N, C-alpha and C. Protein backbone atom coordinates (compact mmCIF):
# COMPACT_ATOMS: atom_id res chain seq x y z
N UNK A 1 37.02 -77.70 17.03
CA UNK A 1 37.40 -77.27 15.71
C UNK A 1 36.31 -77.62 14.70
N UNK A 2 35.73 -78.77 14.88
CA UNK A 2 34.67 -79.20 13.96
C UNK A 2 33.45 -78.30 14.08
N UNK A 3 33.18 -77.81 15.30
CA UNK A 3 32.02 -76.94 15.48
C UNK A 3 32.22 -75.60 14.76
N UNK A 4 33.45 -75.10 14.71
CA UNK A 4 33.73 -73.85 14.00
C UNK A 4 33.52 -74.05 12.51
N UNK A 5 34.00 -75.15 11.97
CA UNK A 5 33.84 -75.44 10.55
C UNK A 5 32.37 -75.66 10.22
N UNK A 6 31.67 -76.34 11.11
CA UNK A 6 30.24 -76.60 10.90
C UNK A 6 29.45 -75.31 10.92
N UNK A 7 29.75 -74.43 11.86
CA UNK A 7 29.00 -73.17 11.93
C UNK A 7 29.30 -72.29 10.72
N UNK A 8 30.52 -72.33 10.22
CA UNK A 8 30.86 -71.55 9.02
C UNK A 8 30.09 -72.06 7.81
N UNK A 9 29.92 -73.36 7.72
CA UNK A 9 29.19 -73.93 6.58
C UNK A 9 27.69 -73.67 6.69
N UNK A 10 27.16 -73.66 7.89
CA UNK A 10 25.72 -73.50 8.07
C UNK A 10 25.26 -72.05 8.02
N UNK A 11 26.14 -71.12 8.35
CA UNK A 11 25.73 -69.71 8.39
C UNK A 11 25.97 -68.98 7.08
N UNK A 12 26.79 -69.48 6.21
CA UNK A 12 27.06 -68.82 4.94
C UNK A 12 28.14 -67.77 5.09
N UNK A 13 28.43 -67.12 4.00
CA UNK A 13 29.48 -66.11 3.99
C UNK A 13 28.89 -64.78 3.56
N UNK A 14 29.51 -63.73 4.01
CA UNK A 14 29.06 -62.41 3.58
C UNK A 14 29.60 -62.13 2.19
N UNK A 15 28.85 -61.33 1.45
CA UNK A 15 29.28 -60.91 0.12
C UNK A 15 29.03 -59.42 -0.03
N UNK A 16 29.80 -58.79 -0.85
CA UNK A 16 29.63 -57.36 -1.08
C UNK A 16 29.30 -57.13 -2.55
N UNK A 17 28.12 -56.58 -2.80
CA UNK A 17 27.66 -56.31 -4.17
C UNK A 17 27.16 -54.88 -4.22
N UNK A 18 27.70 -54.10 -5.10
CA UNK A 18 27.25 -52.73 -5.27
C UNK A 18 27.42 -51.89 -4.02
N UNK A 19 28.44 -52.15 -3.23
CA UNK A 19 28.68 -51.38 -2.03
C UNK A 19 27.85 -51.81 -0.84
N UNK A 20 27.01 -52.83 -1.01
CA UNK A 20 26.20 -53.33 0.09
C UNK A 20 26.83 -54.61 0.62
N UNK A 21 26.83 -54.77 1.93
CA UNK A 21 27.28 -56.02 2.51
C UNK A 21 26.05 -56.87 2.77
N UNK A 22 25.92 -57.93 2.01
CA UNK A 22 24.76 -58.80 2.11
C UNK A 22 25.10 -60.01 2.97
N UNK A 23 24.11 -60.59 3.65
CA UNK A 23 24.41 -61.65 4.61
C UNK A 23 25.01 -62.91 4.01
N UNK A 24 24.61 -63.30 2.82
CA UNK A 24 25.19 -64.50 2.22
C UNK A 24 24.93 -64.47 0.72
N UNK A 25 25.54 -65.39 0.02
CA UNK A 25 25.36 -65.44 -1.43
C UNK A 25 23.93 -65.81 -1.80
N UNK A 26 23.23 -66.55 -0.95
CA UNK A 26 21.85 -66.93 -1.25
C UNK A 26 20.88 -65.79 -0.99
N UNK A 27 21.36 -64.67 -0.44
CA UNK A 27 20.51 -63.50 -0.20
C UNK A 27 19.90 -63.02 -1.51
N UNK A 28 20.63 -63.13 -2.60
CA UNK A 28 20.15 -62.66 -3.89
C UNK A 28 19.02 -63.54 -4.43
N UNK A 29 18.89 -64.75 -3.93
CA UNK A 29 17.84 -65.66 -4.38
C UNK A 29 16.55 -65.52 -3.59
N UNK A 30 16.55 -64.70 -2.55
CA UNK A 30 15.35 -64.51 -1.73
C UNK A 30 14.25 -63.83 -2.53
N UNK A 31 13.01 -64.04 -2.10
CA UNK A 31 11.88 -63.38 -2.73
C UNK A 31 11.95 -61.89 -2.47
N UNK A 32 11.43 -61.13 -3.41
CA UNK A 32 11.40 -59.68 -3.27
C UNK A 32 10.34 -59.31 -2.24
N UNK A 33 10.67 -58.37 -1.36
CA UNK A 33 9.71 -57.94 -0.36
C UNK A 33 8.66 -57.06 -1.01
N UNK A 34 7.48 -57.04 -0.42
CA UNK A 34 6.39 -56.22 -0.94
C UNK A 34 6.41 -54.86 -0.27
N UNK A 35 6.43 -53.83 -1.06
CA UNK A 35 6.32 -52.46 -0.57
C UNK A 35 5.07 -51.86 -1.18
N UNK A 36 4.07 -51.47 -0.37
CA UNK A 36 2.84 -50.91 -0.94
C UNK A 36 3.14 -49.63 -1.70
N UNK A 37 2.36 -49.40 -2.73
CA UNK A 37 2.56 -48.22 -3.56
C UNK A 37 2.28 -46.96 -2.75
N UNK A 38 3.15 -45.99 -2.89
CA UNK A 38 2.96 -44.71 -2.23
C UNK A 38 2.31 -43.73 -3.19
N UNK A 39 2.16 -42.51 -2.76
CA UNK A 39 1.55 -41.52 -3.66
C UNK A 39 2.47 -41.27 -4.85
N UNK A 40 1.87 -41.09 -6.02
CA UNK A 40 2.65 -40.83 -7.22
C UNK A 40 3.35 -39.48 -7.14
N UNK A 41 2.65 -38.48 -6.61
CA UNK A 41 3.20 -37.14 -6.53
C UNK A 41 3.84 -36.96 -5.16
N UNK A 42 5.14 -36.81 -5.11
CA UNK A 42 5.88 -36.80 -3.85
C UNK A 42 5.91 -35.44 -3.16
N UNK A 43 5.51 -34.37 -3.84
CA UNK A 43 5.65 -33.03 -3.28
C UNK A 43 4.32 -32.46 -2.79
N UNK A 44 3.43 -33.29 -2.31
CA UNK A 44 2.11 -32.85 -1.90
C UNK A 44 2.19 -31.79 -0.80
N UNK A 45 3.04 -31.99 0.20
CA UNK A 45 3.15 -31.03 1.30
C UNK A 45 3.68 -29.69 0.82
N UNK A 46 4.66 -29.70 -0.08
CA UNK A 46 5.21 -28.45 -0.58
C UNK A 46 4.18 -27.68 -1.39
N UNK A 47 3.40 -28.38 -2.20
CA UNK A 47 2.37 -27.72 -3.01
C UNK A 47 1.31 -27.11 -2.10
N UNK A 48 0.92 -27.83 -1.08
CA UNK A 48 -0.09 -27.31 -0.15
C UNK A 48 0.44 -26.09 0.61
N UNK A 49 1.70 -26.12 1.02
CA UNK A 49 2.29 -24.97 1.70
C UNK A 49 2.37 -23.76 0.77
N UNK A 50 2.71 -23.97 -0.49
CA UNK A 50 2.77 -22.86 -1.45
C UNK A 50 1.37 -22.29 -1.69
N UNK A 51 0.37 -23.16 -1.75
CA UNK A 51 -1.01 -22.70 -1.95
C UNK A 51 -1.47 -21.84 -0.76
N UNK A 52 -1.16 -22.31 0.46
CA UNK A 52 -1.53 -21.53 1.64
C UNK A 52 -0.78 -20.20 1.69
N UNK A 53 0.49 -20.21 1.30
CA UNK A 53 1.28 -18.97 1.28
C UNK A 53 0.69 -17.97 0.29
N UNK A 54 0.35 -18.43 -0.91
CA UNK A 54 -0.24 -17.54 -1.92
C UNK A 54 -1.58 -16.99 -1.45
N UNK A 55 -2.38 -17.83 -0.82
CA UNK A 55 -3.68 -17.37 -0.32
C UNK A 55 -3.48 -16.32 0.77
N UNK A 56 -2.51 -16.52 1.63
CA UNK A 56 -2.22 -15.55 2.69
C UNK A 56 -1.72 -14.24 2.09
N UNK A 57 -0.86 -14.31 1.09
CA UNK A 57 -0.36 -13.10 0.44
C UNK A 57 -1.49 -12.33 -0.24
N UNK A 58 -2.39 -13.03 -0.90
CA UNK A 58 -3.53 -12.36 -1.54
C UNK A 58 -4.44 -11.72 -0.50
N UNK A 59 -4.64 -12.39 0.62
CA UNK A 59 -5.46 -11.83 1.70
C UNK A 59 -4.82 -10.56 2.25
N UNK A 60 -3.50 -10.58 2.43
CA UNK A 60 -2.80 -9.40 2.94
C UNK A 60 -2.86 -8.24 1.95
N UNK A 61 -2.74 -8.54 0.65
CA UNK A 61 -2.82 -7.49 -0.36
C UNK A 61 -4.21 -6.88 -0.41
N UNK A 62 -5.22 -7.70 -0.24
CA UNK A 62 -6.59 -7.18 -0.30
C UNK A 62 -6.93 -6.32 0.93
N UNK A 63 -6.20 -6.52 2.03
CA UNK A 63 -6.43 -5.72 3.24
C UNK A 63 -5.77 -4.35 3.16
N UNK A 64 -4.84 -4.16 2.22
CA UNK A 64 -4.17 -2.86 2.07
C UNK A 64 -5.14 -1.83 1.48
N UNK A 65 -5.02 -0.55 1.91
CA UNK A 65 -5.93 0.47 1.36
C UNK A 65 -5.61 0.83 -0.07
């Protein structure tokens, strides 16, 4: 019985904040993880695809008699 009480005290309790289940109350005191900066413009692939599509359309129009 003492081992169950001891393990409960040493492992902490789960908490729910903002719909997230966090491992313990001290989770909020942890250091923030580092995420490297990504590209500022998120639609690079879509812009490139549109550019290629327009170039292809212009090429097809120029091939018409």
